[in-house]
N, C-alpha and C. Protein backbone atom coordinates (compact mmCIF):
# COMPACT_ATOMS: atom_id res chain seq x y z
N MET A 1 -29.46 22.54 40.95
CA MET A 1 -28.99 21.59 39.23
C MET A 1 -30.60 20.89 39.05
N PRO A 2 -30.41 21.68 37.78
CA PRO A 2 -32.43 20.57 37.36
C PRO A 2 -32.06 19.08 37.36
N LYS A 3 -33.14 18.95 37.60
CA LYS A 3 -33.66 17.22 37.45
C LYS A 3 -33.53 16.35 36.51
N PRO A 4 -32.67 15.47 35.99
CA PRO A 4 -33.15 14.91 34.53
C PRO A 4 -34.25 14.18 34.45
N LEU A 5 -34.40 14.43 32.82
CA LEU A 5 -35.96 13.72 32.52
C LEU A 5 -35.84 12.23 32.45
N PHE A 6 -34.80 11.85 32.16
CA PHE A 6 -34.74 10.07 32.39
C PHE A 6 -33.59 9.65 33.37
N SER A 7 -33.92 8.50 33.50
CA SER A 7 -32.65 7.89 34.42
C SER A 7 -31.65 7.60 33.58
N LYS A 8 -30.57 7.46 34.54
CA LYS A 8 -29.35 6.95 34.03
C LYS A 8 -29.54 5.72 32.97
N GLY A 9 -30.21 5.09 33.42
CA GLY A 9 -30.40 3.75 32.47
C GLY A 9 -30.97 3.92 31.27
N LYS A 10 -31.84 4.71 31.29
CA LYS A 10 -32.66 5.33 29.78
C LYS A 10 -31.67 5.72 29.06
N GLN A 11 -31.00 6.88 29.83
CA GLN A 11 -30.31 7.72 29.09
C GLN A 11 -29.01 6.91 28.10
N LYS A 12 -28.52 6.09 28.87
CA LYS A 12 -27.68 4.94 28.27
C LYS A 12 -27.96 4.29 27.06
N ASP A 13 -29.48 3.47 27.17
CA ASP A 13 -30.28 3.49 26.31
C ASP A 13 -30.54 3.99 25.04
N ILE A 14 -30.95 5.23 25.31
CA ILE A 14 -31.09 6.10 24.20
C ILE A 14 -29.97 6.18 23.15
N ALA A 15 -28.67 6.54 24.49
CA ALA A 15 -27.06 6.82 23.65
C ALA A 15 -27.05 5.66 22.93
N ARG A 16 -27.50 4.71 23.35
CA ARG A 16 -26.73 3.24 22.21
C ARG A 16 -27.46 3.18 20.96
N GLU A 17 -28.98 3.62 21.04
CA GLU A 17 -29.87 3.92 20.09
C GLU A 17 -29.20 4.66 18.90
N ARG A 18 -28.64 6.12 19.50
CA ARG A 18 -28.39 6.75 18.61
C ARG A 18 -26.86 6.64 18.01
N LEU A 19 -26.29 5.63 18.63
CA LEU A 19 -24.96 5.09 18.17
C LEU A 19 -25.37 4.23 17.03
N ALA A 20 -25.93 3.42 17.31
CA ALA A 20 -26.24 2.55 16.33
C ALA A 20 -26.83 3.46 15.08
N ILE A 21 -27.76 3.98 15.32
CA ILE A 21 -28.15 4.80 13.91
C ILE A 21 -27.40 5.71 13.13
N LEU A 22 -26.25 6.40 14.00
CA LEU A 22 -25.22 6.99 13.20
C LEU A 22 -24.35 6.07 12.93
N SER A 23 -23.87 5.18 13.13
CA SER A 23 -22.82 4.33 12.35
C SER A 23 -23.50 3.82 11.22
N THR A 24 -24.95 3.09 11.36
CA THR A 24 -25.63 2.76 9.88
C THR A 24 -25.63 3.78 8.92
N GLN A 25 -26.09 5.21 9.37
CA GLN A 25 -26.23 6.14 8.55
C GLN A 25 -24.77 6.22 8.00
N ALA A 26 -23.72 6.62 8.89
CA ALA A 26 -22.20 6.98 8.24
C ALA A 26 -21.82 5.94 7.04
N GLU A 27 -22.20 4.96 7.37
CA GLU A 27 -21.73 3.32 6.06
C GLU A 27 -22.57 4.12 4.99
N LYS A 28 -23.56 4.60 5.20
CA LYS A 28 -24.74 4.30 3.90
C LYS A 28 -24.41 5.62 3.44
N VAL A 29 -24.07 6.91 3.70
CA VAL A 29 -23.95 8.27 3.43
C VAL A 29 -22.13 8.07 2.85
N PHE A 30 -21.63 7.19 2.96
CA PHE A 30 -20.23 7.41 2.80
C PHE A 30 -19.58 7.55 1.17
N PRO A 31 -20.43 6.38 0.19
CA PRO A 31 -20.16 6.65 -1.12
C PRO A 31 -20.57 8.05 -1.83
N GLN A 32 -21.53 8.89 -1.20
CA GLN A 32 -22.00 10.08 -1.85
C GLN A 32 -20.88 11.75 -0.70
N ASN A 33 -20.81 11.28 0.33
CA ASN A 33 -20.74 12.59 0.77
C ASN A 33 -19.81 12.03 1.84
N LYS A 34 -18.64 12.08 1.57
CA LYS A 34 -17.44 11.41 2.86
C LYS A 34 -17.13 12.75 4.11
N SER A 35 -17.65 14.12 3.93
CA SER A 35 -17.34 14.97 5.06
C SER A 35 -18.60 14.64 6.12
N LEU A 36 -19.91 14.08 5.19
CA LEU A 36 -21.09 13.61 6.55
C LEU A 36 -20.78 12.78 7.07
N ALA A 37 -20.38 11.35 6.54
CA ALA A 37 -20.11 10.43 7.31
C ALA A 37 -18.77 10.86 8.10
N ASN A 38 -18.27 11.11 7.81
CA ASN A 38 -16.84 12.06 9.21
C ASN A 38 -17.15 12.68 10.21
N ARG A 39 -18.55 13.53 9.98
CA ARG A 39 -19.50 14.19 10.95
C ARG A 39 -20.33 13.33 11.31
N TYR A 40 -20.96 12.38 10.83
CA TYR A 40 -21.57 11.09 12.04
C TYR A 40 -20.39 10.53 13.00
N VAL A 41 -19.67 10.31 12.35
CA VAL A 41 -18.39 9.41 13.40
C VAL A 41 -18.29 10.22 14.51
N PHE A 42 -17.90 11.82 14.22
CA PHE A 42 -18.01 13.28 15.36
C PHE A 42 -19.06 12.52 16.21
N LEU A 43 -20.29 12.89 15.63
CA LEU A 43 -21.09 13.00 16.92
C LEU A 43 -21.24 11.52 17.65
N ALA A 44 -21.03 10.51 17.02
CA ALA A 44 -21.05 9.48 17.55
C ALA A 44 -20.60 9.21 18.69
N ARG A 45 -18.86 9.85 18.86
CA ARG A 45 -17.75 9.85 19.39
C ARG A 45 -18.36 10.33 20.73
N LYS A 46 -18.85 11.90 19.97
CA LYS A 46 -19.12 12.82 21.17
C LYS A 46 -20.48 12.17 22.33
N ILE A 47 -21.10 11.45 21.68
CA ILE A 47 -22.49 11.05 22.27
C ILE A 47 -22.02 9.63 23.34
N ALA A 48 -20.88 8.94 22.66
CA ALA A 48 -20.05 7.98 23.64
C ALA A 48 -19.75 8.35 24.73
N MET A 49 -18.66 9.38 24.32
CA MET A 49 -18.28 9.81 25.54
C MET A 49 -18.85 10.72 26.58
N LYS A 50 -19.94 11.53 26.19
CA LYS A 50 -21.11 12.18 27.18
C LYS A 50 -21.81 11.30 27.67
N SER A 51 -22.09 10.02 27.26
CA SER A 51 -22.91 8.96 28.46
C SER A 51 -21.99 8.06 28.81
N ARG A 52 -20.50 8.17 28.79
CA ARG A 52 -19.96 7.04 29.13
C ARG A 52 -19.71 5.80 28.76
N LEU A 53 -20.29 5.45 27.71
CA LEU A 53 -20.37 4.21 26.78
C LEU A 53 -19.31 3.92 25.84
N PRO A 54 -18.62 2.68 26.27
CA PRO A 54 -17.76 2.02 25.12
C PRO A 54 -18.55 2.20 23.87
N LEU A 55 -17.74 2.57 22.62
CA LEU A 55 -18.02 2.31 21.05
C LEU A 55 -18.24 0.77 20.82
N PRO A 56 -19.03 0.32 20.08
CA PRO A 56 -19.49 -1.09 19.96
C PRO A 56 -17.97 -1.44 19.02
N LYS A 57 -17.37 -2.53 18.98
CA LYS A 57 -16.17 -2.90 18.66
C LYS A 57 -16.11 -3.04 16.94
N GLU A 58 -17.22 -3.63 16.55
CA GLU A 58 -17.26 -3.09 14.97
C GLU A 58 -17.21 -1.77 14.21
N PHE A 59 -17.94 -0.73 15.15
CA PHE A 59 -17.97 0.88 15.04
C PHE A 59 -16.68 1.19 15.11
N LYS A 60 -15.69 0.95 16.16
CA LYS A 60 -14.81 1.51 16.83
C LYS A 60 -13.56 1.20 15.59
N ARG A 61 -13.68 0.35 15.15
CA ARG A 61 -12.49 -0.18 13.79
C ARG A 61 -12.74 0.62 12.53
N ARG A 62 -13.86 1.03 12.18
CA ARG A 62 -14.23 2.32 10.82
C ARG A 62 -13.90 2.95 10.86
N PHE A 63 -13.66 3.78 12.14
CA PHE A 63 -12.98 4.97 11.88
C PHE A 63 -11.62 4.98 12.58
N CYS A 64 -10.83 6.31 11.92
CA CYS A 64 -9.50 6.57 12.40
C CYS A 64 -9.47 7.39 13.67
N LYS A 65 -8.76 7.00 15.03
CA LYS A 65 -8.25 7.61 16.04
C LYS A 65 -7.50 8.80 15.86
N HIS A 66 -6.91 8.99 14.51
CA HIS A 66 -6.20 9.86 14.62
C HIS A 66 -6.77 11.18 14.28
N CYS A 67 -7.57 10.97 13.02
CA CYS A 67 -7.98 12.14 11.97
C CYS A 67 -9.82 12.04 12.12
N ASN A 68 -10.17 11.21 13.20
CA ASN A 68 -11.95 10.76 12.80
C ASN A 68 -12.47 11.11 11.76
N SER A 69 -11.83 10.17 10.88
CA SER A 69 -12.61 10.16 9.51
C SER A 69 -13.10 8.65 9.32
N TYR A 70 -13.96 8.42 8.84
CA TYR A 70 -14.66 7.33 8.56
C TYR A 70 -13.94 6.36 7.58
N LEU A 71 -13.79 4.98 8.11
CA LEU A 71 -12.87 4.19 6.99
C LEU A 71 -13.62 3.06 6.48
N GLN A 72 -13.15 3.39 4.93
CA GLN A 72 -13.86 2.38 3.66
C GLN A 72 -12.86 1.58 3.46
N PRO A 73 -12.15 0.15 4.06
CA PRO A 73 -10.99 -0.69 3.14
C PRO A 73 -11.42 -0.18 1.42
N GLY A 74 -10.25 -0.10 1.22
CA GLY A 74 -9.97 -0.27 -0.52
C GLY A 74 -10.05 1.46 -0.77
N VAL A 75 -10.70 2.21 -0.32
CA VAL A 75 -11.24 3.31 -0.54
C VAL A 75 -10.39 4.52 -0.29
N ASN A 76 -10.24 4.79 1.40
CA ASN A 76 -9.71 5.67 1.94
C ASN A 76 -9.02 4.69 3.09
N SER A 77 -8.84 3.93 3.00
CA SER A 77 -7.90 2.68 3.97
C SER A 77 -7.20 0.88 3.84
N ARG A 78 -6.39 0.79 4.27
CA ARG A 78 -5.82 -0.48 3.91
C ARG A 78 -6.10 -1.44 5.01
N ILE A 79 -6.16 -2.62 4.90
CA ILE A 79 -6.33 -3.31 6.26
C ILE A 79 -5.42 -4.68 5.86
N ARG A 80 -4.27 -4.88 6.83
CA ARG A 80 -2.93 -6.07 6.04
C ARG A 80 -2.67 -6.87 7.65
N THR A 81 -2.47 -7.76 8.00
CA THR A 81 -2.31 -8.39 8.90
C THR A 81 -0.66 -8.84 9.12
N ARG A 82 0.17 -8.83 10.41
CA ARG A 82 1.70 -8.97 10.12
C ARG A 82 1.82 -9.10 11.69
N GLN A 83 2.50 -10.17 11.80
CA GLN A 83 3.15 -10.61 13.29
C GLN A 83 2.17 -10.80 14.17
N GLY A 84 1.17 -11.27 13.75
CA GLY A 84 -0.41 -11.48 14.67
C GLY A 84 -0.89 -10.08 15.04
N LYS A 85 -0.65 -8.93 14.19
CA LYS A 85 -1.58 -7.65 14.42
C LYS A 85 -2.14 -7.54 13.08
N VAL A 86 -3.49 -6.79 13.42
CA VAL A 86 -4.18 -6.21 12.16
C VAL A 86 -3.73 -4.74 12.27
N ILE A 87 -3.44 -4.62 10.65
CA ILE A 87 -3.09 -3.10 10.87
C ILE A 87 -3.79 -2.18 9.64
N ILE A 88 -4.31 -1.58 10.65
CA ILE A 88 -5.33 -0.48 9.83
C ILE A 88 -4.73 0.84 9.06
N SER A 89 -4.28 1.08 8.02
CA SER A 89 -3.77 2.08 7.63
C SER A 89 -4.83 2.94 6.72
N CYS A 90 -4.82 4.48 7.59
CA CYS A 90 -5.46 5.59 7.12
C CYS A 90 -4.87 6.31 6.20
N PHE A 91 -5.65 6.32 4.84
CA PHE A 91 -4.90 7.24 3.56
C PHE A 91 -5.10 8.56 3.86
N GLU A 92 -5.87 9.53 4.68
CA GLU A 92 -6.47 10.55 5.28
C GLU A 92 -5.33 11.36 5.90
N CYS A 93 -4.97 10.64 6.73
CA CYS A 93 -3.91 11.41 7.50
C CYS A 93 -2.60 10.36 7.54
N LYS A 94 -2.49 9.59 7.06
CA LYS A 94 -1.43 8.51 6.86
C LYS A 94 -0.52 7.91 7.96
N LYS A 95 -1.49 7.58 9.08
CA LYS A 95 -1.02 7.05 10.34
C LYS A 95 -1.93 5.52 10.40
N PHE A 96 -1.43 4.49 11.25
CA PHE A 96 -2.01 3.18 11.54
C PHE A 96 -2.56 3.38 12.99
N THR A 97 -3.09 2.04 13.00
CA THR A 97 -4.10 1.14 14.07
C THR A 97 -3.25 -0.28 14.39
N ARG A 98 -2.70 -0.24 15.24
CA ARG A 98 -2.22 -1.48 15.31
C ARG A 98 -3.13 -2.80 16.61
N ILE A 99 -3.84 -3.19 16.25
CA ILE A 99 -4.38 -4.00 16.84
C ILE A 99 -4.27 -5.68 17.06
N PRO A 100 -3.84 -5.98 18.23
CA PRO A 100 -3.49 -7.51 18.62
C PRO A 100 -4.36 -8.46 18.35
N VAL A 101 -3.96 -9.87 17.61
CA VAL A 101 -4.94 -10.98 17.49
C VAL A 101 -4.76 -12.03 18.39
N ARG A 102 -5.58 -11.95 18.98
CA ARG A 102 -5.45 -13.42 20.10
C ARG A 102 -5.27 -14.87 19.08
């Protein structure tokens, strides 16, 4: 097995940088090209899984966990509060994500 170029810590730092870049790029490109924004979400999730990093909370709530599409409130998603939960509705796949509020 070949020796890795970087240590595990350095690899995780690079992965965190790429996650941040991909999340800002998805937000920036969404109004012009929705499929490219969805591709950025897919790549960010893949990098996070490969490097075994948790996604940042603010980015985790910006995509649908069912269809992996980037969510822009008011455009292709709806955010409501109900009975102590934040409910995010995806208009692409018609599914819901419920997040408890403490």
